[in-house]
Amino acid sequence: SDDETWNLNMVFFKWVNGRFKKYKKDTNDIVDLEFYKFKYKGKEYTQLALIDKIIELTNGLIDEDYFNGKLCDTKQIENDKNEVFDIFKLIFFTMWW
């Protein structure tokens, strides 16, 4: 529908947010989300920690006041967007069950 293509950036962050929350819930008892480890910004993180980070970041990015710069500056929004993509690239091939 038009509302899904008019603003793909917001739609994408809503999609990621919802799917990562569902993935975390659905795999809780069947996938060891602590198994995979990743180096990110000089520290080691589990897949679970990075899933939680993406959820946290996208929670902000799907808040319309935040996304429209009412709650922070555009540089912070850009940093958050980049961090979502950086983390997503790291864990991409581990997001299955």
N, C-alpha and C. Protein backbone atom coordinates (compact mmCIF):
# COMPACT_ATOMS: atom_id res chain seq x y z
N SER A 1 0.84 -1.19 0.00
CA SER A 1 0.00 0.00 0.00
C SER A 1 0.88 1.25 0.00
N ASP A 2 0.27 2.37 -0.34
CA ASP A 2 1.02 3.62 -0.43
C ASP A 2 1.67 4.02 0.90
N ASP A 3 0.99 3.75 2.01
CA ASP A 3 1.56 4.16 3.30
C ASP A 3 2.83 3.38 3.63
N GLU A 4 3.04 2.22 3.02
CA GLU A 4 4.25 1.45 3.25
C GLU A 4 5.40 1.86 2.34
N THR A 5 5.11 2.61 1.30
CA THR A 5 6.18 3.02 0.40
C THR A 5 6.45 4.51 0.45
N TRP A 6 5.58 5.26 1.07
CA TRP A 6 5.74 6.71 1.14
C TRP A 6 6.94 7.09 2.00
N ASN A 7 7.18 6.34 3.06
CA ASN A 7 8.25 6.64 3.99
C ASN A 7 8.94 5.32 4.36
N LEU A 8 9.73 4.79 3.44
CA LEU A 8 10.33 3.48 3.66
C LEU A 8 11.25 3.42 4.87
N ASN A 9 11.89 4.52 5.20
CA ASN A 9 12.80 4.47 6.35
C ASN A 9 12.03 4.16 7.63
N MET A 10 10.91 4.82 7.86
CA MET A 10 10.11 4.55 9.06
C MET A 10 9.50 3.15 9.00
N VAL A 11 9.00 2.75 7.84
CA VAL A 11 8.41 1.42 7.68
C VAL A 11 9.46 0.35 7.95
N PHE A 12 10.67 0.56 7.45
CA PHE A 12 11.74 -0.41 7.67
C PHE A 12 12.05 -0.55 9.16
N PHE A 13 12.18 0.57 9.87
CA PHE A 13 12.50 0.49 11.30
C PHE A 13 11.36 -0.15 12.09
N LYS A 14 10.13 0.10 11.70
CA LYS A 14 8.98 -0.56 12.35
C LYS A 14 9.03 -2.06 12.09
N TRP A 15 9.36 -2.44 10.84
CA TRP A 15 9.46 -3.85 10.48
C TRP A 15 10.56 -4.53 11.31
N VAL A 16 11.74 -3.93 11.34
CA VAL A 16 12.85 -4.51 12.11
C VAL A 16 12.47 -4.63 13.58
N ASN A 17 11.91 -3.59 14.14
CA ASN A 17 11.54 -3.58 15.55
C ASN A 17 10.58 -4.72 15.87
N GLY A 18 9.51 -4.82 15.10
CA GLY A 18 8.52 -5.86 15.35
C GLY A 18 9.06 -7.25 15.14
N ARG A 19 9.83 -7.44 14.08
CA ARG A 19 10.37 -8.77 13.78
C ARG A 19 11.42 -9.20 14.79
N PHE A 20 12.25 -8.29 15.25
CA PHE A 20 13.27 -8.66 16.24
C PHE A 20 12.62 -8.99 17.59
N LYS A 21 11.59 -8.25 17.97
CA LYS A 21 10.87 -8.58 19.21
C LYS A 21 10.23 -9.96 19.10
N LYS A 22 9.61 -10.25 17.96
CA LYS A 22 8.97 -11.55 17.75
C LYS A 22 10.01 -12.67 17.70
N TYR A 23 11.11 -12.44 17.01
CA TYR A 23 12.18 -13.44 16.93
C TYR A 23 12.68 -13.78 18.34
N LYS A 24 12.92 -12.76 19.13
CA LYS A 24 13.41 -12.97 20.49
C LYS A 24 12.41 -13.79 21.31
N LYS A 25 11.14 -13.45 21.18
CA LYS A 25 10.09 -14.16 21.92
C LYS A 25 9.95 -15.60 21.43
N ASP A 26 9.89 -15.79 20.12
CA ASP A 26 9.65 -17.12 19.56
C ASP A 26 10.82 -18.07 19.73
N THR A 27 12.02 -17.55 19.79
CA THR A 27 13.19 -18.42 19.88
C THR A 27 13.70 -18.59 21.31
N ASN A 28 13.06 -17.98 22.25
CA ASN A 28 13.51 -17.97 23.64
C ASN A 28 13.87 -19.37 24.16
N ASP A 29 13.04 -20.36 23.86
CA ASP A 29 13.27 -21.71 24.39
C ASP A 29 13.95 -22.66 23.41
N ILE A 30 14.22 -22.20 22.17
CA ILE A 30 14.76 -23.14 21.18
C ILE A 30 16.10 -22.73 20.58
N VAL A 31 16.50 -21.49 20.77
CA VAL A 31 17.77 -21.01 20.23
C VAL A 31 18.60 -20.42 21.36
N ASP A 32 19.86 -20.81 21.41
CA ASP A 32 20.77 -20.24 22.40
C ASP A 32 21.30 -18.91 21.85
N LEU A 33 20.66 -17.82 22.23
CA LEU A 33 21.04 -16.50 21.73
C LEU A 33 22.31 -15.97 22.39
N GLU A 34 22.89 -16.77 23.28
CA GLU A 34 24.17 -16.42 23.89
C GLU A 34 25.33 -17.15 23.19
N PHE A 35 25.01 -18.04 22.25
CA PHE A 35 26.03 -18.85 21.60
C PHE A 35 26.97 -18.02 20.72
N TYR A 36 26.41 -17.25 19.81
CA TYR A 36 27.23 -16.45 18.90
C TYR A 36 27.75 -15.21 19.61
N LYS A 37 29.02 -14.92 19.38
CA LYS A 37 29.67 -13.74 19.95
C LYS A 37 30.18 -12.86 18.82
N PHE A 38 30.11 -11.57 19.01
CA PHE A 38 30.51 -10.62 17.98
C PHE A 38 31.34 -9.51 18.60
N LYS A 39 32.34 -9.08 17.87
CA LYS A 39 33.12 -7.90 18.26
C LYS A 39 32.44 -6.68 17.65
N TYR A 40 32.16 -5.70 18.51
CA TYR A 40 31.52 -4.48 18.03
C TYR A 40 32.02 -3.32 18.89
N LYS A 41 32.60 -2.35 18.23
CA LYS A 41 33.15 -1.16 18.91
C LYS A 41 34.09 -1.54 20.05
N GLY A 42 34.94 -2.51 19.77
CA GLY A 42 35.98 -2.89 20.73
C GLY A 42 35.53 -3.78 21.88
N LYS A 43 34.27 -4.21 21.87
CA LYS A 43 33.76 -5.08 22.94
C LYS A 43 33.15 -6.33 22.31
N GLU A 44 32.98 -7.36 23.13
CA GLU A 44 32.33 -8.58 22.68
C GLU A 44 30.89 -8.60 23.17
N TYR A 45 29.98 -8.94 22.27
CA TYR A 45 28.56 -9.00 22.58
C TYR A 45 27.99 -10.33 22.11
N THR A 46 26.96 -10.78 22.79
CA THR A 46 26.23 -11.95 22.32
C THR A 46 25.19 -11.51 21.29
N GLN A 47 24.68 -12.48 20.58
CA GLN A 47 23.60 -12.20 19.63
C GLN A 47 22.42 -11.56 20.37
N LEU A 48 22.10 -12.08 21.55
CA LEU A 48 20.99 -11.53 22.33
C LEU A 48 21.22 -10.07 22.68
N ALA A 49 22.41 -9.74 23.11
CA ALA A 49 22.70 -8.34 23.48
C ALA A 49 22.54 -7.42 22.27
N LEU A 50 22.94 -7.90 21.10
CA LEU A 50 22.82 -7.06 19.90
C LEU A 50 21.38 -6.99 19.40
N ILE A 51 20.62 -8.05 19.57
CA ILE A 51 19.18 -7.99 19.28
C ILE A 51 18.53 -6.95 20.17
N ASP A 52 18.85 -7.00 21.45
CA ASP A 52 18.28 -6.01 22.39
C ASP A 52 18.69 -4.59 22.01
N LYS A 53 19.91 -4.41 21.55
CA LYS A 53 20.37 -3.08 21.15
C LYS A 53 19.59 -2.58 19.93
N ILE A 54 19.36 -3.46 18.96
CA ILE A 54 18.58 -3.05 17.80
C ILE A 54 17.15 -2.70 18.21
N ILE A 55 16.57 -3.47 19.10
CA ILE A 55 15.22 -3.16 19.58
C ILE A 55 15.21 -1.80 20.27
N GLU A 56 16.19 -1.56 21.12
CA GLU A 56 16.29 -0.27 21.82
C GLU A 56 16.42 0.90 20.83
N LEU A 57 17.31 0.75 19.88
CA LEU A 57 17.52 1.83 18.89
C LEU A 57 16.29 2.06 18.03
N THR A 58 15.68 0.98 17.57
CA THR A 58 14.51 1.15 16.71
C THR A 58 13.29 1.62 17.49
N ASN A 59 13.22 1.34 18.79
CA ASN A 59 12.15 1.92 19.61
C ASN A 59 12.19 3.44 19.50
N GLY A 60 13.40 4.00 19.54
CA GLY A 60 13.54 5.45 19.39
C GLY A 60 13.25 5.91 17.98
N LEU A 61 13.76 5.16 17.01
CA LEU A 61 13.61 5.58 15.61
C LEU A 61 12.17 5.51 15.11
N ILE A 62 11.33 4.69 15.73
CA ILE A 62 9.93 4.63 15.31
C ILE A 62 9.04 5.58 16.10
N ASP A 63 9.62 6.26 17.07
CA ASP A 63 8.89 7.32 17.78
C ASP A 63 8.90 8.55 16.88
N GLU A 64 7.74 8.98 16.44
CA GLU A 64 7.68 10.06 15.46
C GLU A 64 8.30 11.36 15.96
N ASP A 65 8.14 11.67 17.24
CA ASP A 65 8.76 12.90 17.77
C ASP A 65 10.29 12.78 17.73
N TYR A 66 10.79 11.62 18.08
CA TYR A 66 12.24 11.40 18.02
C TYR A 66 12.73 11.48 16.59
N PHE A 67 12.06 10.73 15.70
CA PHE A 67 12.48 10.64 14.31
C PHE A 67 12.41 12.00 13.61
N ASN A 68 11.48 12.83 13.99
CA ASN A 68 11.34 14.15 13.38
C ASN A 68 12.21 15.21 14.05
N GLY A 69 13.09 14.78 14.94
CA GLY A 69 14.05 15.70 15.54
C GLY A 69 13.52 16.54 16.69
N LYS A 70 12.37 16.20 17.22
CA LYS A 70 11.81 16.97 18.33
C LYS A 70 12.44 16.60 19.67
N LEU A 71 12.99 15.39 19.76
CA LEU A 71 13.56 14.93 21.03
C LEU A 71 15.08 14.86 21.02
N CYS A 72 15.67 15.02 19.85
CA CYS A 72 17.12 15.00 19.75
C CYS A 72 17.52 15.64 18.43
N ASP A 73 18.81 15.78 18.21
CA ASP A 73 19.25 16.40 16.96
C ASP A 73 19.38 15.36 15.85
N THR A 74 19.48 15.85 14.64
CA THR A 74 19.53 14.96 13.49
C THR A 74 20.81 14.11 13.47
N LYS A 75 21.85 14.61 14.08
CA LYS A 75 23.09 13.83 14.14
C LYS A 75 22.87 12.56 14.97
N GLN A 76 22.14 12.67 16.06
CA GLN A 76 21.84 11.49 16.89
C GLN A 76 20.98 10.49 16.13
N ILE A 77 20.01 10.98 15.39
CA ILE A 77 19.16 10.10 14.59
C ILE A 77 20.01 9.37 13.56
N GLU A 78 20.89 10.10 12.90
CA GLU A 78 21.79 9.50 11.89
C GLU A 78 22.70 8.45 12.54
N ASN A 79 23.23 8.75 13.72
CA ASN A 79 24.08 7.78 14.43
C ASN A 79 23.31 6.52 14.79
N ASP A 80 22.08 6.70 15.28
CA ASP A 80 21.25 5.54 15.64
C ASP A 80 20.94 4.69 14.42
N LYS A 81 20.59 5.34 13.32
CA LYS A 81 20.31 4.62 12.06
C LYS A 81 21.53 3.82 11.63
N ASN A 82 22.69 4.43 11.66
CA ASN A 82 23.92 3.74 11.25
C ASN A 82 24.22 2.56 12.17
N GLU A 83 23.98 2.75 13.45
CA GLU A 83 24.24 1.67 14.40
C GLU A 83 23.31 0.48 14.16
N VAL A 84 22.05 0.74 13.85
CA VAL A 84 21.12 -0.34 13.53
C VAL A 84 21.66 -1.15 12.35
N PHE A 85 22.06 -0.47 11.30
CA PHE A 85 22.57 -1.18 10.12
C PHE A 85 23.89 -1.89 10.40
N ASP A 86 24.77 -1.28 11.17
CA ASP A 86 26.04 -1.92 11.51
C ASP A 86 25.81 -3.22 12.28
N ILE A 87 24.94 -3.16 13.27
CA ILE A 87 24.65 -4.36 14.07
C ILE A 87 23.93 -5.41 13.23
N PHE A 88 22.96 -4.95 12.44
CA PHE A 88 22.21 -5.87 11.58
C PHE A 88 23.16 -6.63 10.65
N LYS A 89 24.15 -5.95 10.11
CA LYS A 89 25.13 -6.61 9.24
C LYS A 89 25.90 -7.68 10.01
N LEU A 90 26.23 -7.41 11.26
CA LEU A 90 27.00 -8.37 12.06
C LEU A 90 26.22 -9.65 12.32
N ILE A 91 24.96 -9.53 12.66
CA ILE A 91 24.20 -10.70 13.12
C ILE A 91 23.29 -11.30 12.04
N PHE A 92 23.30 -10.72 10.88
CA PHE A 92 22.38 -11.10 9.81
C PHE A 92 22.27 -12.60 9.60
N PHE A 93 23.40 -13.30 9.45
CA PHE A 93 23.37 -14.71 9.14
C PHE A 93 23.12 -15.61 10.35
N THR A 94 22.94 -15.04 11.50
CA THR A 94 22.60 -15.84 12.69
C THR A 94 21.13 -15.72 13.04
N MET A 95 20.37 -14.95 12.30
CA MET A 95 18.96 -14.71 12.61
C MET A 95 18.07 -15.75 11.95
N TRP A 96 18.19 -16.98 12.40
CA TRP A 96 17.36 -18.07 11.90
C TRP A 96 17.12 -19.06 13.03
N TRP A 97 16.18 -19.95 12.83
CA TRP A 97 15.94 -21.04 13.79
C TRP A 97 15.26 -22.22 13.14
